[in-house]
N, C-alpha and C. Protein backbone atom coordinates (compact mmCIF):
# COMPACT_ATOMS: atom_id res chain seq x y z
N ILE A 1 0.85 -1.18 0.00
CA ILE A 1 0.00 0.00 0.00
C ILE A 1 0.89 1.23 0.00
N GLY A 2 0.57 2.16 -0.89
CA GLY A 2 1.30 3.42 -0.93
C GLY A 2 1.21 4.08 -2.29
N SER A 3 0.76 5.32 -2.30
CA SER A 3 0.64 6.06 -3.56
C SER A 3 1.98 6.18 -4.27
N GLU A 4 3.08 6.22 -3.50
CA GLU A 4 4.41 6.34 -4.09
C GLU A 4 4.76 5.14 -4.97
N LEU A 5 4.08 4.01 -4.76
CA LEU A 5 4.32 2.82 -5.59
C LEU A 5 3.67 2.95 -6.96
N LEU A 6 2.67 3.82 -7.05
CA LEU A 6 1.91 3.94 -8.28
C LEU A 6 2.23 5.20 -9.08
N ASP A 7 2.95 6.14 -8.47
CA ASP A 7 3.30 7.34 -9.23
C ASP A 7 4.73 7.31 -9.75
N GLY A 8 5.38 6.15 -9.59
CA GLY A 8 6.71 5.97 -10.16
C GLY A 8 7.86 6.48 -9.30
N THR A 9 7.59 6.98 -8.11
CA THR A 9 8.67 7.51 -7.29
C THR A 9 9.34 6.46 -6.41
N ARG A 10 8.70 5.29 -6.28
CA ARG A 10 9.27 4.25 -5.43
C ARG A 10 9.00 2.89 -6.07
N LEU A 11 10.01 2.05 -6.11
CA LEU A 11 9.88 0.70 -6.66
C LEU A 11 9.40 -0.24 -5.56
N ASP A 12 8.46 -1.11 -5.89
CA ASP A 12 7.94 -2.07 -4.92
C ASP A 12 8.87 -3.27 -4.84
N THR A 13 9.84 -3.20 -3.94
CA THR A 13 10.75 -4.32 -3.74
C THR A 13 10.20 -5.29 -2.69
N ASN A 14 9.25 -4.84 -1.88
CA ASN A 14 8.69 -5.71 -0.84
C ASN A 14 7.99 -6.93 -1.42
N SER A 15 7.19 -6.72 -2.45
CA SER A 15 6.43 -7.84 -3.04
C SER A 15 7.37 -8.90 -3.61
N GLN A 16 8.40 -8.46 -4.30
CA GLN A 16 9.36 -9.40 -4.89
C GLN A 16 10.06 -10.20 -3.79
N TRP A 17 10.46 -9.52 -2.73
CA TRP A 17 11.16 -10.18 -1.63
C TRP A 17 10.25 -11.19 -0.93
N ILE A 18 9.01 -10.79 -0.66
CA ILE A 18 8.06 -11.68 0.00
C ILE A 18 7.81 -12.92 -0.86
N ALA A 19 7.58 -12.73 -2.15
CA ALA A 19 7.32 -13.86 -3.05
C ALA A 19 8.50 -14.83 -3.07
N GLU A 20 9.70 -14.29 -3.09
CA GLU A 20 10.91 -15.13 -3.09
C GLU A 20 11.00 -15.96 -1.82
N LYS A 21 10.69 -15.36 -0.68
CA LYS A 21 10.75 -16.08 0.60
C LYS A 21 9.64 -17.13 0.68
N LEU A 22 8.44 -16.78 0.23
CA LEU A 22 7.30 -17.69 0.37
C LEU A 22 7.47 -18.97 -0.45
N VAL A 23 8.04 -18.86 -1.64
CA VAL A 23 8.20 -20.05 -2.47
C VAL A 23 9.08 -21.08 -1.76
N ASN A 24 10.01 -20.61 -0.93
CA ASN A 24 10.86 -21.52 -0.16
C ASN A 24 10.12 -22.19 0.99
N HIS A 25 8.91 -21.74 1.23
CA HIS A 25 8.07 -22.32 2.29
C HIS A 25 6.84 -23.02 1.70
N GLY A 26 6.85 -23.23 0.39
CA GLY A 26 5.77 -23.94 -0.26
C GLY A 26 4.53 -23.11 -0.52
N VAL A 27 4.62 -21.80 -0.41
CA VAL A 27 3.48 -20.93 -0.66
C VAL A 27 3.67 -20.30 -2.04
N ILE A 28 2.70 -20.52 -2.91
CA ILE A 28 2.76 -20.00 -4.27
C ILE A 28 1.99 -18.68 -4.31
N VAL A 29 2.63 -17.65 -4.83
CA VAL A 29 2.00 -16.34 -4.93
C VAL A 29 1.12 -16.32 -6.18
N ASP A 30 -0.15 -15.98 -5.98
CA ASP A 30 -1.10 -15.92 -7.09
C ASP A 30 -1.30 -14.51 -7.63
N ARG A 31 -1.06 -13.53 -6.77
CA ARG A 31 -1.41 -12.16 -7.17
C ARG A 31 -0.61 -11.15 -6.35
N ILE A 32 -0.17 -10.09 -7.00
CA ILE A 32 0.45 -8.96 -6.33
C ILE A 32 -0.32 -7.71 -6.75
N VAL A 33 -0.73 -6.93 -5.76
CA VAL A 33 -1.54 -5.75 -6.02
C VAL A 33 -0.90 -4.54 -5.36
N SER A 34 -0.83 -3.44 -6.07
CA SER A 34 -0.40 -2.17 -5.48
C SER A 34 -1.62 -1.27 -5.37
N VAL A 35 -1.77 -0.65 -4.22
CA VAL A 35 -2.95 0.17 -3.94
C VAL A 35 -2.50 1.53 -3.43
N ARG A 36 -3.11 2.59 -3.93
CA ARG A 36 -2.76 3.93 -3.45
C ARG A 36 -3.32 4.17 -2.05
N ASP A 37 -2.86 5.21 -1.42
CA ASP A 37 -3.31 5.56 -0.07
C ASP A 37 -4.71 6.16 -0.12
N ASP A 38 -5.68 5.31 -0.32
CA ASP A 38 -7.08 5.72 -0.41
C ASP A 38 -7.92 4.66 0.29
N LYS A 39 -8.72 5.09 1.25
CA LYS A 39 -9.48 4.14 2.08
C LYS A 39 -10.39 3.24 1.25
N LEU A 40 -11.08 3.80 0.26
CA LEU A 40 -11.98 2.98 -0.57
C LEU A 40 -11.20 1.93 -1.35
N ASP A 41 -10.06 2.32 -1.91
CA ASP A 41 -9.24 1.38 -2.68
C ASP A 41 -8.65 0.29 -1.79
N ILE A 42 -8.18 0.69 -0.61
CA ILE A 42 -7.61 -0.29 0.31
C ILE A 42 -8.70 -1.27 0.76
N CYS A 43 -9.83 -0.74 1.15
CA CYS A 43 -10.95 -1.60 1.58
C CYS A 43 -11.39 -2.55 0.46
N GLY A 44 -11.45 -2.04 -0.75
CA GLY A 44 -11.85 -2.87 -1.89
C GLY A 44 -10.88 -4.01 -2.13
N SER A 45 -9.59 -3.73 -2.04
CA SER A 45 -8.58 -4.77 -2.24
C SER A 45 -8.62 -5.81 -1.14
N ILE A 46 -8.84 -5.38 0.09
CA ILE A 46 -8.96 -6.33 1.20
C ILE A 46 -10.18 -7.22 1.00
N ARG A 47 -11.31 -6.61 0.64
CA ARG A 47 -12.54 -7.40 0.42
C ARG A 47 -12.35 -8.44 -0.69
N GLU A 48 -11.64 -8.07 -1.75
CA GLU A 48 -11.40 -9.01 -2.85
C GLU A 48 -10.59 -10.22 -2.42
N ALA A 49 -9.76 -10.06 -1.40
CA ALA A 49 -8.87 -11.14 -0.97
C ALA A 49 -9.51 -12.07 0.06
N ILE A 50 -10.56 -11.61 0.73
CA ILE A 50 -11.17 -12.39 1.81
C ILE A 50 -11.62 -13.76 1.30
N ASP A 51 -11.12 -14.80 1.93
CA ASP A 51 -11.46 -16.19 1.65
C ASP A 51 -11.14 -16.64 0.23
N ARG A 52 -10.44 -15.80 -0.51
CA ARG A 52 -9.96 -16.20 -1.84
C ARG A 52 -8.55 -16.76 -1.73
N TYR A 53 -7.80 -16.28 -0.74
CA TYR A 53 -6.41 -16.69 -0.55
C TYR A 53 -6.19 -17.13 0.90
N SER A 54 -5.29 -18.06 1.10
CA SER A 54 -4.96 -18.51 2.46
C SER A 54 -4.11 -17.50 3.20
N PHE A 55 -3.19 -16.87 2.48
CA PHE A 55 -2.29 -15.90 3.09
C PHE A 55 -2.33 -14.61 2.29
N ILE A 56 -2.55 -13.50 2.99
CA ILE A 56 -2.54 -12.18 2.37
C ILE A 56 -1.53 -11.34 3.14
N PHE A 57 -0.54 -10.83 2.43
CA PHE A 57 0.52 -10.03 3.03
C PHE A 57 0.34 -8.59 2.58
N ILE A 58 0.18 -7.71 3.53
CA ILE A 58 -0.01 -6.29 3.26
C ILE A 58 1.17 -5.54 3.85
N THR A 59 1.81 -4.71 3.04
CA THR A 59 2.89 -3.88 3.56
C THR A 59 2.56 -2.42 3.30
N GLY A 60 2.88 -1.59 4.28
CA GLY A 60 2.70 -0.15 4.12
C GLY A 60 1.49 0.38 4.84
N GLY A 61 1.56 1.65 5.18
CA GLY A 61 0.43 2.35 5.78
C GLY A 61 0.29 2.17 7.27
N LEU A 62 1.37 1.77 7.96
CA LEU A 62 1.30 1.60 9.42
C LEU A 62 1.99 2.74 10.17
N GLY A 63 2.50 3.70 9.45
CA GLY A 63 3.21 4.81 10.09
C GLY A 63 2.26 5.79 10.76
N PRO A 64 2.81 6.89 11.24
CA PRO A 64 2.01 7.84 12.01
C PRO A 64 1.40 8.98 11.19
N THR A 65 1.65 9.04 9.88
CA THR A 65 1.22 10.21 9.12
C THR A 65 -0.22 10.10 8.61
N HIS A 66 -0.72 11.19 8.04
CA HIS A 66 -2.11 11.26 7.60
C HIS A 66 -2.47 10.22 6.54
N ASP A 67 -1.51 9.79 5.74
CA ASP A 67 -1.81 8.82 4.68
C ASP A 67 -1.62 7.37 5.11
N ASP A 68 -1.28 7.16 6.37
CA ASP A 68 -1.13 5.80 6.90
C ASP A 68 -2.47 5.33 7.43
N ILE A 69 -3.27 4.77 6.52
CA ILE A 69 -4.67 4.44 6.84
C ILE A 69 -4.97 2.95 6.70
N THR A 70 -3.95 2.13 6.66
CA THR A 70 -4.16 0.69 6.48
C THR A 70 -4.96 0.09 7.63
N VAL A 71 -4.59 0.39 8.87
CA VAL A 71 -5.29 -0.20 10.03
C VAL A 71 -6.74 0.25 10.06
N GLU A 72 -6.99 1.53 9.82
CA GLU A 72 -8.37 2.03 9.83
C GLU A 72 -9.19 1.38 8.72
N SER A 73 -8.59 1.19 7.56
CA SER A 73 -9.29 0.53 6.45
C SER A 73 -9.60 -0.92 6.79
N PHE A 74 -8.62 -1.62 7.33
CA PHE A 74 -8.80 -3.02 7.72
C PHE A 74 -9.89 -3.15 8.77
N LYS A 75 -9.84 -2.27 9.74
CA LYS A 75 -10.84 -2.24 10.82
C LYS A 75 -12.24 -2.06 10.24
N LYS A 76 -12.37 -1.18 9.26
CA LYS A 76 -13.67 -0.92 8.64
C LYS A 76 -14.20 -2.15 7.90
N VAL A 77 -13.33 -2.82 7.13
CA VAL A 77 -13.76 -3.98 6.35
C VAL A 77 -14.34 -5.07 7.25
N PHE A 78 -13.69 -5.34 8.36
CA PHE A 78 -14.10 -6.44 9.23
C PHE A 78 -14.98 -5.99 10.40
N GLY A 79 -15.27 -4.71 10.50
CA GLY A 79 -16.10 -4.21 11.58
C GLY A 79 -15.49 -4.45 12.95
N LEU A 80 -14.19 -4.28 13.04
CA LEU A 80 -13.47 -4.57 14.29
C LEU A 80 -13.45 -3.37 15.22
N ASN A 81 -13.49 -3.65 16.50
CA ASN A 81 -13.26 -2.62 17.51
C ASN A 81 -11.76 -2.54 17.76
N SER A 82 -11.35 -1.41 18.32
CA SER A 82 -9.93 -1.23 18.62
C SER A 82 -9.77 -0.50 19.95
N ARG A 83 -8.55 -0.55 20.43
CA ARG A 83 -8.21 0.16 21.67
C ARG A 83 -6.78 0.64 21.54
N ILE A 84 -6.41 1.55 22.42
CA ILE A 84 -5.04 2.04 22.47
C ILE A 84 -4.28 1.26 23.53
N ASP A 85 -3.12 0.76 23.18
CA ASP A 85 -2.26 0.04 24.10
C ASP A 85 -1.33 1.05 24.77
N ASN A 86 -1.72 1.51 25.95
CA ASN A 86 -0.96 2.55 26.65
C ASN A 86 0.45 2.11 27.01
N SER A 87 0.62 0.82 27.29
CA SER A 87 1.98 0.35 27.60
C SER A 87 2.87 0.45 26.36
N TYR A 88 2.29 0.28 25.17
CA TYR A 88 3.10 0.41 23.96
C TYR A 88 3.44 1.87 23.67
N ILE A 89 2.54 2.78 24.01
CA ILE A 89 2.87 4.20 23.87
C ILE A 89 4.11 4.52 24.69
N LYS A 90 4.17 3.98 25.90
CA LYS A 90 5.37 4.18 26.74
C LYS A 90 6.61 3.61 26.07
N ALA A 91 6.47 2.44 25.45
CA ALA A 91 7.61 1.81 24.77
C ALA A 91 8.06 2.65 23.58
N ILE A 92 7.11 3.20 22.82
CA ILE A 92 7.47 4.06 21.68
C ILE A 92 8.20 5.30 22.19
N LYS A 93 7.66 5.90 23.25
CA LYS A 93 8.31 7.08 23.83
C LYS A 93 9.75 6.76 24.21
N GLN A 94 9.96 5.59 24.77
CA GLN A 94 11.32 5.20 25.18
C GLN A 94 12.24 5.03 23.98
N LYS A 95 11.70 4.46 22.89
CA LYS A 95 12.51 4.31 21.68
C LYS A 95 12.98 5.67 21.17
N PHE A 96 12.08 6.65 21.22
CA PHE A 96 12.46 8.00 20.81
C PHE A 96 13.46 8.61 21.79
N LEU A 97 13.21 8.43 23.09
CA LEU A 97 14.13 8.98 24.09
C LEU A 97 15.52 8.39 23.96
N ASP A 98 15.60 7.11 23.58
CA ASP A 98 16.90 6.47 23.39
C ASP A 98 17.72 7.15 22.29
N ARG A 99 17.01 7.85 21.41
CA ARG A 99 17.68 8.60 20.34
C ARG A 99 17.71 10.10 20.64
N ASN A 100 17.38 10.44 21.87
CA ASN A 100 17.34 11.85 22.31
C ASN A 100 16.35 12.69 21.51
N ILE A 101 15.20 12.09 21.21
CA ILE A 101 14.13 12.77 20.47
C ILE A 101 12.84 12.63 21.27
N GLU A 102 12.06 13.70 21.30
CA GLU A 102 10.75 13.61 21.94
C GLU A 102 9.77 13.01 20.94
N MET A 103 8.96 12.05 21.40
CA MET A 103 8.03 11.39 20.50
C MET A 103 6.92 12.36 20.06
N PRO A 104 6.72 12.50 18.76
CA PRO A 104 5.59 13.30 18.29
C PRO A 104 4.27 12.63 18.70
N LYS A 105 3.30 13.42 19.08
CA LYS A 105 2.01 12.89 19.55
C LYS A 105 1.35 11.98 18.51
N ILE A 106 1.58 12.27 17.24
CA ILE A 106 0.96 11.50 16.16
C ILE A 106 1.39 10.03 16.18
N ASN A 107 2.54 9.70 16.77
CA ASN A 107 2.99 8.32 16.84
C ASN A 107 2.10 7.45 17.72
N GLN A 108 1.23 8.06 18.50
CA GLN A 108 0.34 7.27 19.37
C GLN A 108 -0.57 6.35 18.56
N ASN A 109 -0.86 6.72 17.31
CA ASN A 109 -1.74 5.83 16.53
C ASN A 109 -1.08 4.50 16.18
N GLN A 110 0.23 4.38 16.42
CA GLN A 110 0.91 3.11 16.21
C GLN A 110 0.68 2.15 17.37
N ALA A 111 -0.06 2.61 18.38
CA ALA A 111 -0.38 1.76 19.53
C ALA A 111 -1.81 1.23 19.46
N ILE A 112 -2.45 1.35 18.30
CA ILE A 112 -3.80 0.81 18.12
C ILE A 112 -3.73 -0.71 18.05
N VAL A 113 -4.62 -1.36 18.80
CA VAL A 113 -4.72 -2.81 18.79
C VAL A 113 -6.13 -3.17 18.33
N LEU A 114 -6.23 -4.04 17.34
CA LEU A 114 -7.53 -4.48 16.83
C LEU A 114 -8.00 -5.70 17.61
N ASP A 115 -9.25 -5.69 18.02
CA ASP A 115 -9.82 -6.83 18.73
C ASP A 115 -9.79 -8.06 17.82
N GLY A 116 -9.36 -9.18 18.37
CA GLY A 116 -9.32 -10.44 17.64
C GLY A 116 -8.08 -10.62 16.78
N ALA A 117 -7.18 -9.65 16.81
CA ALA A 117 -5.96 -9.74 16.00
C ALA A 117 -4.75 -9.96 16.90
N ASP A 118 -3.75 -10.65 16.35
CA ASP A 118 -2.48 -10.82 17.05
C ASP A 118 -1.57 -9.65 16.71
N ILE A 119 -0.82 -9.20 17.68
CA ILE A 119 0.20 -8.18 17.45
C ILE A 119 1.48 -8.89 17.05
N ILE A 120 2.13 -8.38 16.00
CA ILE A 120 3.42 -8.90 15.59
C ILE A 120 4.44 -7.82 15.92
N ASN A 121 5.32 -8.12 16.85
CA ASN A 121 6.30 -7.13 17.29
C ASN A 121 7.25 -6.76 16.17
N ASN A 122 7.68 -5.53 16.22
CA ASN A 122 8.64 -5.02 15.25
C ASN A 122 9.98 -4.91 15.95
N PRO A 123 10.91 -5.80 15.64
CA PRO A 123 12.20 -5.81 16.34
C PRO A 123 13.05 -4.55 16.15
N ILE A 124 12.80 -3.79 15.06
CA ILE A 124 13.69 -2.65 14.79
C ILE A 124 12.97 -1.32 14.56
N GLY A 125 11.66 -1.29 14.61
CA GLY A 125 10.93 -0.04 14.38
C GLY A 125 9.79 0.13 15.36
N THR A 126 8.96 1.14 15.13
CA THR A 126 7.84 1.42 16.04
C THR A 126 6.50 0.89 15.54
N ALA A 127 6.37 0.63 14.23
CA ALA A 127 5.10 0.15 13.68
C ALA A 127 5.00 -1.36 13.84
N ARG A 128 4.14 -1.79 14.75
CA ARG A 128 3.95 -3.24 14.94
C ARG A 128 3.08 -3.79 13.81
N GLY A 129 3.24 -5.06 13.56
CA GLY A 129 2.44 -5.72 12.55
C GLY A 129 1.19 -6.34 13.15
N ILE A 130 0.36 -6.86 12.27
CA ILE A 130 -0.92 -7.45 12.68
C ILE A 130 -1.11 -8.77 11.95
N HIS A 131 -1.60 -9.78 12.68
CA HIS A 131 -2.08 -11.01 12.06
C HIS A 131 -3.55 -11.12 12.42
N TYR A 132 -4.37 -11.36 11.39
CA TYR A 132 -5.80 -11.52 11.62
C TYR A 132 -6.29 -12.70 10.79
N LYS A 133 -6.94 -13.63 11.45
CA LYS A 133 -7.48 -14.83 10.79
C LYS A 133 -8.97 -14.62 10.56
N HIS A 134 -9.40 -14.80 9.33
CA HIS A 134 -10.83 -14.72 8.99
C HIS A 134 -11.16 -15.92 8.12
N LEU A 135 -11.95 -16.85 8.70
CA LEU A 135 -12.28 -18.10 8.03
C LEU A 135 -11.01 -18.76 7.50
N LYS A 136 -10.81 -18.86 6.19
CA LYS A 136 -9.62 -19.55 5.69
C LYS A 136 -8.46 -18.60 5.39
N SER A 137 -8.65 -17.30 5.58
CA SER A 137 -7.62 -16.33 5.23
C SER A 137 -6.84 -15.84 6.43
N ASN A 138 -5.53 -15.82 6.28
CA ASN A 138 -4.61 -15.23 7.27
C ASN A 138 -4.08 -13.94 6.69
N PHE A 139 -4.42 -12.82 7.32
CA PHE A 139 -3.93 -11.52 6.89
C PHE A 139 -2.73 -11.13 7.75
N PHE A 140 -1.67 -10.68 7.09
CA PHE A 140 -0.50 -10.17 7.77
C PHE A 140 -0.28 -8.74 7.29
N ILE A 141 -0.32 -7.80 8.22
CA ILE A 141 -0.09 -6.40 7.88
C ILE A 141 1.24 -6.01 8.49
N MET A 142 2.14 -5.51 7.64
CA MET A 142 3.50 -5.21 8.08
C MET A 142 3.89 -3.80 7.64
N PRO A 143 4.92 -3.25 8.27
CA PRO A 143 5.41 -1.94 7.83
C PRO A 143 5.89 -1.99 6.39
N GLY A 144 5.83 -0.84 5.73
CA GLY A 144 6.34 -0.74 4.37
C GLY A 144 7.83 -0.55 4.30
N VAL A 145 8.44 -0.14 5.41
CA VAL A 145 9.90 0.03 5.45
C VAL A 145 10.53 -1.35 5.26
N PRO A 146 11.27 -1.55 4.16
CA PRO A 146 11.77 -2.89 3.86
C PRO A 146 12.53 -3.57 4.99
N SER A 147 13.46 -2.88 5.63
CA SER A 147 14.25 -3.54 6.68
C SER A 147 13.37 -4.01 7.84
N GLU A 148 12.34 -3.25 8.17
CA GLU A 148 11.43 -3.65 9.25
C GLU A 148 10.58 -4.84 8.83
N MET A 149 10.09 -4.80 7.59
CA MET A 149 9.27 -5.91 7.08
C MET A 149 10.10 -7.18 6.97
N TYR A 150 11.33 -7.08 6.47
CA TYR A 150 12.19 -8.27 6.34
C TYR A 150 12.37 -8.93 7.70
N LYS A 151 12.71 -8.13 8.69
CA LYS A 151 12.98 -8.67 10.04
C LYS A 151 11.72 -9.33 10.61
N MET A 152 10.57 -8.69 10.44
CA MET A 152 9.31 -9.23 10.94
C MET A 152 8.98 -10.57 10.26
N MET A 153 9.18 -10.62 8.95
CA MET A 153 8.90 -11.86 8.21
C MET A 153 9.85 -12.97 8.64
N GLU A 154 11.15 -12.66 8.68
CA GLU A 154 12.15 -13.70 8.94
C GLU A 154 12.14 -14.21 10.37
N THR A 155 11.88 -13.33 11.35
CA THR A 155 11.98 -13.75 12.75
C THR A 155 10.65 -14.17 13.36
N ILE A 156 9.53 -13.76 12.77
CA ILE A 156 8.23 -14.07 13.40
C ILE A 156 7.27 -14.76 12.43
N ILE A 157 6.95 -14.12 11.32
CA ILE A 157 5.88 -14.62 10.46
C ILE A 157 6.23 -15.96 9.81
N LEU A 158 7.38 -16.05 9.16
CA LEU A 158 7.73 -17.31 8.50
C LEU A 158 7.85 -18.47 9.49
N PRO A 159 8.61 -18.33 10.57
CA PRO A 159 8.73 -19.48 11.47
C PRO A 159 7.47 -19.77 12.29
N ASP A 160 6.75 -18.75 12.71
CA ASP A 160 5.62 -18.97 13.62
C ASP A 160 4.28 -19.21 12.93
N TYR A 161 4.11 -18.68 11.73
CA TYR A 161 2.82 -18.78 11.06
C TYR A 161 2.85 -19.61 9.77
N ILE A 162 3.94 -19.58 9.05
CA ILE A 162 4.00 -20.25 7.74
C ILE A 162 4.59 -21.65 7.86
N GLY A 163 5.67 -21.80 8.61
CA GLY A 163 6.27 -23.11 8.81
C GLY A 163 7.66 -23.22 8.21
N ALA A 164 8.19 -24.41 8.30
CA ALA A 164 9.57 -24.67 7.89
C ALA A 164 9.74 -24.54 6.38
N GLN A 165 10.96 -24.29 5.98
CA GLN A 165 11.28 -24.26 4.56
C GLN A 165 11.15 -25.65 3.97
N ILE A 166 10.90 -25.69 2.69
CA ILE A 166 10.83 -26.96 1.96
C ILE A 166 11.91 -26.95 0.89
N GLU A 167 12.19 -28.11 0.33
CA GLU A 167 13.14 -28.17 -0.77
C GLU A 167 12.51 -27.52 -1.99
N SER A 168 13.20 -26.57 -2.55
CA SER A 168 12.68 -25.85 -3.70
C SER A 168 12.81 -26.69 -4.96
N LYS A 169 11.75 -26.76 -5.73
CA LYS A 169 11.78 -27.45 -7.01
C LYS A 169 11.90 -26.44 -8.15
N HIS A 170 12.12 -25.21 -7.78
CA HIS A 170 12.25 -24.12 -8.75
C HIS A 170 13.70 -23.98 -9.16
N ARG A 171 13.96 -23.96 -10.45
CA ARG A 171 15.31 -23.79 -10.97
C ARG A 171 15.30 -22.71 -12.03
N THR A 172 16.36 -21.93 -12.07
CA THR A 172 16.53 -20.93 -13.11
C THR A 172 17.62 -21.41 -14.04
N ILE A 173 17.29 -21.45 -15.32
CA ILE A 173 18.25 -21.89 -16.34
C ILE A 173 18.51 -20.72 -17.27
N CYS A 174 19.75 -20.32 -17.38
CA CYS A 174 20.12 -19.22 -18.27
C CYS A 174 20.53 -19.80 -19.63
N THR A 175 19.99 -19.24 -20.67
CA THR A 175 20.31 -19.73 -22.02
C THR A 175 20.72 -18.56 -22.90
N SER A 176 21.30 -18.90 -24.03
CA SER A 176 21.72 -17.89 -24.99
C SER A 176 21.65 -18.48 -26.39
N GLY A 177 21.20 -17.69 -27.34
CA GLY A 177 21.25 -18.11 -28.74
C GLY A 177 20.13 -19.03 -29.17
N ILE A 178 19.08 -19.16 -28.37
CA ILE A 178 17.95 -20.00 -28.77
C ILE A 178 16.66 -19.23 -28.47
N ALA A 179 15.72 -19.30 -29.38
CA ALA A 179 14.44 -18.61 -29.20
C ALA A 179 13.66 -19.28 -28.07
N GLU A 180 12.91 -18.48 -27.34
CA GLU A 180 12.14 -19.00 -26.21
C GLU A 180 11.18 -20.12 -26.64
N SER A 181 10.54 -19.95 -27.78
CA SER A 181 9.59 -20.97 -28.25
C SER A 181 10.31 -22.29 -28.57
N ARG A 182 11.50 -22.21 -29.16
CA ARG A 182 12.27 -23.43 -29.49
C ARG A 182 12.73 -24.12 -28.20
N LEU A 183 13.20 -23.33 -27.25
CA LEU A 183 13.62 -23.87 -25.96
C LEU A 183 12.44 -24.54 -25.26
N SER A 184 11.29 -23.92 -25.33
CA SER A 184 10.09 -24.49 -24.70
C SER A 184 9.77 -25.86 -25.27
N GLU A 185 9.91 -26.01 -26.58
CA GLU A 185 9.67 -27.32 -27.19
C GLU A 185 10.66 -28.36 -26.67
N LYS A 186 11.90 -27.97 -26.48
CA LYS A 186 12.94 -28.91 -26.04
C LYS A 186 12.75 -29.36 -24.59
N VAL A 187 12.24 -28.50 -23.72
CA VAL A 187 12.12 -28.86 -22.30
C VAL A 187 10.69 -29.17 -21.87
N GLN A 188 9.78 -29.21 -22.83
CA GLN A 188 8.37 -29.41 -22.52
C GLN A 188 8.12 -30.66 -21.65
N ASP A 189 8.76 -31.76 -21.97
CA ASP A 189 8.55 -32.99 -21.22
C ASP A 189 9.04 -32.87 -19.79
N LEU A 190 10.10 -32.10 -19.55
CA LEU A 190 10.60 -31.89 -18.20
C LEU A 190 9.66 -31.04 -17.35
N MET A 191 8.97 -30.14 -18.01
CA MET A 191 8.08 -29.25 -17.29
C MET A 191 6.81 -29.97 -16.86
């Protein structure tokens, strides 16, 4: 999620990284969607994914600014109640104090907890992730900051929710001097 992904100012490296990691855990990616920072668009994309996919990974929109509306959109789609985790506000304040910075009041919205959802701790940032199970769908909402998302996926989501790695049956073969259609005919039986 992020308008910057659709106006050409930022490349979506998160989706590629997530897909690469998931294939090593036996999860095949069926669809990648980029959505601008618009509540109707975000809600529509979430609704389209409900019970269509087993795992839905959402990155972006968990920060403290006006365009970080992922949690509010998610809350609206599922009709969830929320509360503020005051102990987490204290933890965020401490993270800022550790850097000799006073926490801006707007960061308090990063302490929102959705009823019925698991909190996924962020080992290196202030935006915590969310896991929400709805019938057959597992939604994972993570920060859009790549380093924070990578750490959350590698240390929590993949081992705790997805499972162990499997032997990859995916191979990349580099060729030269042969047309793709001719090569396809030659390896068709292997495929």
